[in-house]
C-alpha atoms as a PDB file:
ATOM      1  CA  MET A   1       0.000   0.000   0.000  1.00  0.00           C
ATOM      2  CA  SER A   2       1.432   3.338  -1.026  1.00  0.00           C
ATOM      3  CA  VAL A   3       1.193   6.335   1.270  1.00  0.00           C
ATOM      4  CA  THR A   4       0.789   9.747  -0.302  1.00  0.00           C
ATOM      5  CA  ARG A   5       2.400  12.468   1.741  1.00  0.00           C
ATOM      6  CA  HIS A   6       0.853  15.867   2.008  1.00  0.00           C
ATOM      7  CA  LYS A   7       3.516  18.349   0.945  1.00  0.00           C
ATOM      8  CA  PRO A   8       3.254  21.533   2.995  1.00  0.00           C
ATOM      9  CA  PRO A   9       3.076  24.867   1.180  1.00  0.00           C
ATOM     10  CA  THR A  10       6.420  26.586   0.730  1.00  0.00           C
ATOM     11  CA  PRO A  11       7.184  29.167   3.427  1.00  0.00           C
ATOM     12  CA  SER A  12       7.237  31.994   0.873  1.00  0.00           C
ATOM     13  CA  SER A  13       7.057  32.662  -2.849  1.00  0.00           C
ATOM     14  CA  ASP A  14      10.868  32.834  -2.982  1.00  0.00           C
ATOM     15  CA  LYS A  15      11.930  30.802  -6.022  1.00  0.00           C
ATOM     16  CA  ARG A  16      14.829  29.260  -4.064  1.00  0.00           C
ATOM     17  CA  TRP A  17      12.299  26.956  -2.394  1.00  0.00           C
ATOM     18  CA  ASN A  18      11.907  25.278  -5.805  1.00  0.00           C
ATOM     19  CA  LEU A  19      15.539  24.122  -5.530  1.00  0.00           C
ATOM     20  CA  VAL A  20      14.899  22.719  -2.072  1.00  0.00           C
ATOM     21  CA  ASN A  21      11.768  20.912  -3.239  1.00  0.00           C
ATOM     22  CA  ALA A  22      13.623  19.463  -6.225  1.00  0.00           C
ATOM     23  CA  ALA A  23      16.245  17.953  -3.905  1.00  0.00           C
ATOM     24  CA  MET A  24      13.573  16.370  -1.711  1.00  0.00           C
ATOM     25  CA  ARG A  25      11.522  15.210  -4.708  1.00  0.00           C
ATOM     26  CA  ARG A  26      14.577  13.408  -6.202  1.00  0.00           C
ATOM     27  CA  ASN A  27      14.512  11.186  -3.124  1.00  0.00           C
ATOM     28  CA  GLY A  28      10.740  10.764  -2.983  1.00  0.00           C
ATOM     29  CA  TYR A  29      10.468  12.933   0.133  1.00  0.00           C
ATOM     30  CA  ALA A  30      12.037  10.037   2.059  1.00  0.00           C
ATOM     31  CA  ASP A  31      13.519  10.528   5.499  1.00  0.00           C
ATOM     32  CA  HIS A  32      16.948   9.379   4.287  1.00  0.00           C
ATOM     33  CA  ALA A  33      17.076  12.586   2.190  1.00  0.00           C
ATOM     34  CA  LEU A  34      17.346  14.774   5.291  1.00  0.00           C
ATOM     35  CA  ILE A  35      20.998  15.751   4.955  1.00  0.00           C
ATOM     36  CA  GLU A  36      20.641  16.429   1.228  1.00  0.00           C
ATOM     37  CA  ALA A  37      17.554  18.550   1.919  1.00  0.00           C
ATOM     38  CA  LEU A  38      19.389  20.570   4.576  1.00  0.00           C
ATOM     39  CA  HIS A  39      22.325  21.052   2.209  1.00  0.00           C
ATOM     40  CA  SER A  40      19.970  22.323  -0.485  1.00  0.00           C
ATOM     41  CA  VAL A  41      18.396  24.832   1.929  1.00  0.00           C
ATOM     42  CA  GLN A  42      21.792  26.083   3.043  1.00  0.00           C
ATOM     43  CA  GLU A  43      23.029  26.307  -0.545  1.00  0.00           C
ATOM     44  CA  ALA A  44      19.958  28.298  -1.541  1.00  0.00           C
ATOM     45  CA  PHE A  45      19.647  30.581   1.500  1.00  0.00           C
ATOM     46  CA  GLY A  46      23.114  30.510   3.087  1.00  0.00           C
ATOM     47  CA  TYR A  47      21.952  29.108   6.426  1.00  0.00           C
ATOM     48  CA  LEU A  48      19.203  27.103   8.116  1.00  0.00           C
ATOM     49  CA  ASP A  49      16.640  29.175   9.992  1.00  0.00           C
ATOM     50  CA  GLU A  50      13.693  27.905  12.023  1.00  0.00           C
ATOM     51  CA  THR A  51      11.295  28.300   9.100  1.00  0.00           C
ATOM     52  CA  ALA A  52      13.486  26.101   6.901  1.00  0.00           C
ATOM     53  CA  LEU A  53      13.928  23.434   9.587  1.00  0.00           C
ATOM     54  CA  VAL A  54      10.166  23.251  10.148  1.00  0.00           C
ATOM     55  CA  TYR A  55       9.491  23.079   6.402  1.00  0.00           C
ATOM     56  CA  VAL A  56      12.002  20.259   5.864  1.00  0.00           C
ATOM     57  CA  ALA A  57      10.629  18.356   8.876  1.00  0.00           C
ATOM     58  CA  GLU A  58       7.055  18.629   7.593  1.00  0.00           C
ATOM     59  CA  SER A  59       8.038  17.803   4.002  1.00  0.00           C
ATOM     60  CA  LEU A  60       9.966  14.671   5.002  1.00  0.00           C
ATOM     61  CA  ASP A  61       7.450  13.729   7.718  1.00  0.00           C
ATOM     62  CA  LEU A  62      10.133  13.833  10.408  1.00  0.00           C
ATOM     63  CA  PRO A  63      10.020  15.186  13.942  1.00  0.00           C
ATOM     64  CA  LEU A  64      11.451  18.698  14.181  1.00  0.00           C
ATOM     65  CA  SER A  65      13.735  17.465  16.972  1.00  0.00           C
ATOM     66  CA  LYS A  66      15.441  15.045  14.557  1.00  0.00           C
ATOM     67  CA  VAL A  67      15.925  17.712  11.886  1.00  0.00           C
ATOM     68  CA  PHE A  68      17.299  20.160  14.461  1.00  0.00           C
ATOM     69  CA  GLY A  69      19.546  17.432  15.891  1.00  0.00           C
ATOM     70  CA  VAL A  70      21.086  16.712  12.494  1.00  0.00           C
ATOM     71  CA  ALA A  71      21.459  20.435  11.703  1.00  0.00           C
ATOM     72  CA  THR A  72      23.308  21.066  14.974  1.00  0.00           C
ATOM     73  CA  PHE A  73      25.405  17.871  14.910  1.00  0.00           C
ATOM     74  CA  TYR A  74      27.236  18.592  11.651  1.00  0.00           C
ATOM     75  CA  HIS A  75      29.575  21.583  11.836  1.00  0.00           C
ATOM     76  CA  LEU A  76      28.992  22.617   8.231  1.00  0.00           C
ATOM     77  CA  PHE A  77      25.383  23.583   8.818  1.00  0.00           C
ATOM     78  CA  MET A  78      24.890  27.201   9.874  1.00  0.00           C
ATOM     79  CA  LEU A  79      21.843  28.239  11.906  1.00  0.00           C
ATOM     80  CA  LYS A  80      22.586  31.928  11.445  1.00  0.00           C
ATOM     81  CA  PRO A  81      23.664  33.936   8.402  1.00  0.00           C
ATOM     82  CA  LYS A  82      27.333  33.512   7.612  1.00  0.00           C
ATOM     83  CA  GLY A  83      29.664  36.482   7.610  1.00  0.00           C
ATOM     84  CA  ARG A  84      31.421  37.835   4.520  1.00  0.00           C
ATOM     85  CA  HIS A  85      34.500  35.912   5.648  1.00  0.00           C
ATOM     86  CA  ALA A  86      34.598  32.434   7.173  1.00  0.00           C
ATOM     87  CA  CYS A  87      37.423  31.259   9.420  1.00  0.00           C
ATOM     88  CA  VAL A  88      37.414  27.527  10.179  1.00  0.00           C
ATOM     89  CA  VAL A  89      39.846  26.473  12.893  1.00  0.00           C
ATOM     90  CA  CYS A  90      40.728  22.779  12.901  1.00  0.00           C
ATOM     91  CA  THR A  91      40.345  21.266  16.361  1.00  0.00           C
ATOM     92  CA  GLY A  92      41.489  17.752  15.468  1.00  0.00           C
ATOM     93  CA  THR A  93      44.049  16.085  17.724  1.00  0.00           C
ATOM     94  CA  ALA A  94      47.192  17.318  15.955  1.00  0.00           C
ATOM     95  CA  CYS A  95      45.893  20.881  15.648  1.00  0.00           C
ATOM     96  CA  TYR A  96      44.588  20.911  19.196  1.00  0.00           C
ATOM     97  CA  ILE A  97      47.943  19.762  20.596  1.00  0.00           C
ATOM     98  CA  LYS A  98      49.787  22.370  18.523  1.00  0.00           C
ATOM     99  CA  GLY A  99      47.651  25.323  19.627  1.00  0.00           C
ATOM    100  CA  ALA A 100      44.226  25.434  17.980  1.00  0.00           C
ATOM    101  CA  GLY A 101      42.727  26.438  21.322  1.00  0.00           C
ATOM    102  CA  GLY A 102      44.951  29.520  21.391  1.00  0.00           C
ATOM    103  CA  LEU A 103      43.808  30.470  17.889  1.00  0.00           C
ATOM    104  CA  ILE A 104      40.171  30.316  18.955  1.00  0.00           C
ATOM    105  CA  GLU A 105      40.902  32.228  22.165  1.00  0.00           C
ATOM    106  CA  GLY A 106      42.675  34.941  20.149  1.00  0.00           C
ATOM    107  CA  ILE A 107      39.672  35.366  17.849  1.00  0.00           C
ATOM    108  CA  GLU A 108      37.279  35.306  20.801  1.00  0.00           C
ATOM    109  CA  GLY A 109      39.344  38.017  22.496  1.00  0.00           C
ATOM    110  CA  ARG A 110      39.639  40.270  19.450  1.00  0.00           C
ATOM    111  CA  TYR A 111      36.217  39.786  17.838  1.00  0.00           C
ATOM    112  CA  GLY A 112      34.038  38.655  20.743  1.00  0.00           C
ATOM    113  CA  ILE A 113      32.713  35.563  18.951  1.00  0.00           C
ATOM    114  CA  GLN A 114      32.913  31.860  19.651  1.00  0.00           C
ATOM    115  CA  PRO A 115      32.843  28.992  17.168  1.00  0.00           C
ATOM    116  CA  GLY A 116      29.497  28.963  15.370  1.00  0.00           C
ATOM    117  CA  GLU A 117      29.011  32.723  15.754  1.00  0.00           C
ATOM    118  CA  THR A 118      29.305  35.719  13.448  1.00  0.00           C
ATOM    119  CA  THR A 119      30.386  39.241  14.332  1.00  0.00           C
ATOM    120  CA  GLU A 120      27.589  41.782  14.688  1.00  0.00           C
ATOM    121  CA  ASP A 121      28.673  43.533  11.482  1.00  0.00           C
ATOM    122  CA  ASN A 122      28.508  40.188   9.599  1.00  0.00           C
ATOM    123  CA  ALA A 123      32.145  40.544   8.611  1.00  0.00           C
ATOM    124  CA  LEU A 124      33.464  37.288  10.116  1.00  0.00           C
ATOM    125  CA  SER A 125      32.095  33.880  11.027  1.00  0.00           C
ATOM    126  CA  LEU A 126      34.178  31.627  13.258  1.00  0.00           C
ATOM    127  CA  LEU A 127      33.733  27.887  12.819  1.00  0.00           C
ATOM    128  CA  SER A 128      35.555  24.867  14.123  1.00  0.00           C
ATOM    129  CA  ALA A 129      36.034  21.547  12.394  1.00  0.00           C
ATOM    130  CA  ARG A 130      36.931  18.184  13.846  1.00  0.00           C
ATOM    131  CA  CYS A 131      39.583  17.747  11.156  1.00  0.00           C
ATOM    132  CA  VAL A 132      40.425  19.506   7.907  1.00  0.00           C
ATOM    133  CA  GLY A 133      42.892  16.818   6.786  1.00  0.00           C
ATOM    134  CA  ALA A 134      46.041  18.902   7.108  1.00  0.00           C
ATOM    135  CA  CYS A 135      47.649  17.410  10.219  1.00  0.00           C
ATOM    136  CA  GLY A 136      51.159  18.114   8.911  1.00  0.00           C
ATOM    137  CA  LEU A 137      50.289  21.831   8.877  1.00  0.00           C
ATOM    138  CA  ALA A 138      48.957  21.920  12.455  1.00  0.00           C
ATOM    139  CA  PRO A 139      47.488  24.102  13.706  1.00  0.00           C
ATOM    140  CA  ALA A 140      45.550  24.582  10.490  1.00  0.00           C
ATOM    141  CA  VAL A 141      42.912  27.142   9.538  1.00  0.00           C
ATOM    142  CA  VAL A 142      40.741  27.430   6.439  1.00  0.00           C
ATOM    143  CA  LEU A 143      40.095  31.116   5.741  1.00  0.00           C
ATOM    144  CA  ASP A 144      37.625  31.796   2.938  1.00  0.00           C
ATOM    145  CA  GLY A 145      38.508  28.420   1.409  1.00  0.00           C
ATOM    146  CA  ASP A 146      42.295  28.892   1.589  1.00  0.00           C
ATOM    147  CA  MET A 147      44.322  26.532   3.790  1.00  0.00           C
ATOM    148  CA  LEU A 148      46.667  28.257   6.225  1.00  0.00           C
ATOM    149  CA  GLY A 149      49.147  26.058   8.051  1.00  0.00           C
ATOM    150  CA  LYS A 150      51.293  26.369  11.174  1.00  0.00           C
ATOM    151  CA  GLN A 151      49.299  29.343  12.401  1.00  0.00           C
ATOM    152  CA  THR A 152      50.015  31.381  15.486  1.00  0.00           C
ATOM    153  CA  SER A 153      47.381  33.527  17.091  1.00  0.00           C
ATOM    154  CA  GLU A 154      49.319  36.653  16.093  1.00  0.00           C
ATOM    155  CA  ASP A 155      49.657  35.587  12.444  1.00  0.00           C
ATOM    156  CA  LEU A 156      45.995  34.650  12.176  1.00  0.00           C
ATOM    157  CA  LEU A 157      44.764  37.851  13.828  1.00  0.00           C
ATOM    158  CA  ALA A 158      46.976  39.912  11.511  1.00  0.00           C
ATOM    159  CA  ARG A 159      45.539  38.130   8.493  1.00  0.00           C
ATOM    160  CA  LEU A 160      41.969  38.575   9.768  1.00  0.00           C
ATOM    161  CA  GLY A 161      42.670  42.259  10.419  1.00  0.00           C
ATOM    162  CA  GLY A 162      43.729  42.690   6.796  1.00  0.00           C
ATOM    163  CA  LEU A 163      40.409  41.459   5.386  1.00  0.00           C
ATOM    164  CA  ASP A 164      38.040  43.989   3.819  1.00  0.00           C
END
């Protein structure tokens, strides 16, 4: 017996919701499409807000708690708008031992943000990652997609200060 799911109306007339729906439709609105659906929302809108999480939960017939749990478990999902610049500090074992904590503390001290937050002027988002795959460059940072190795707090803060 086939069950027909009631697809909720899109949260707005914004055409980007068509991209999100296409991603969910490709997988038959199945619950296993959750991560792909969240990726499509973030790709389209830049982050996952409450409206998007509720819409995905209703569309995939999942509890909101599960959708929120997945969105907060994976570090690459943003629940707030991302800044113009993104600084990802690796906190894997090698980077942690070689000073990743000091890099984060330096940014917290200078910019007043913690991992997962964005400055009030939306200039900088600070993220942490369990591993960026550059253990030989520890402590490693990915700044706007560029890998920076063997960082010191002073070097990183100088580079961040030189951004537009």
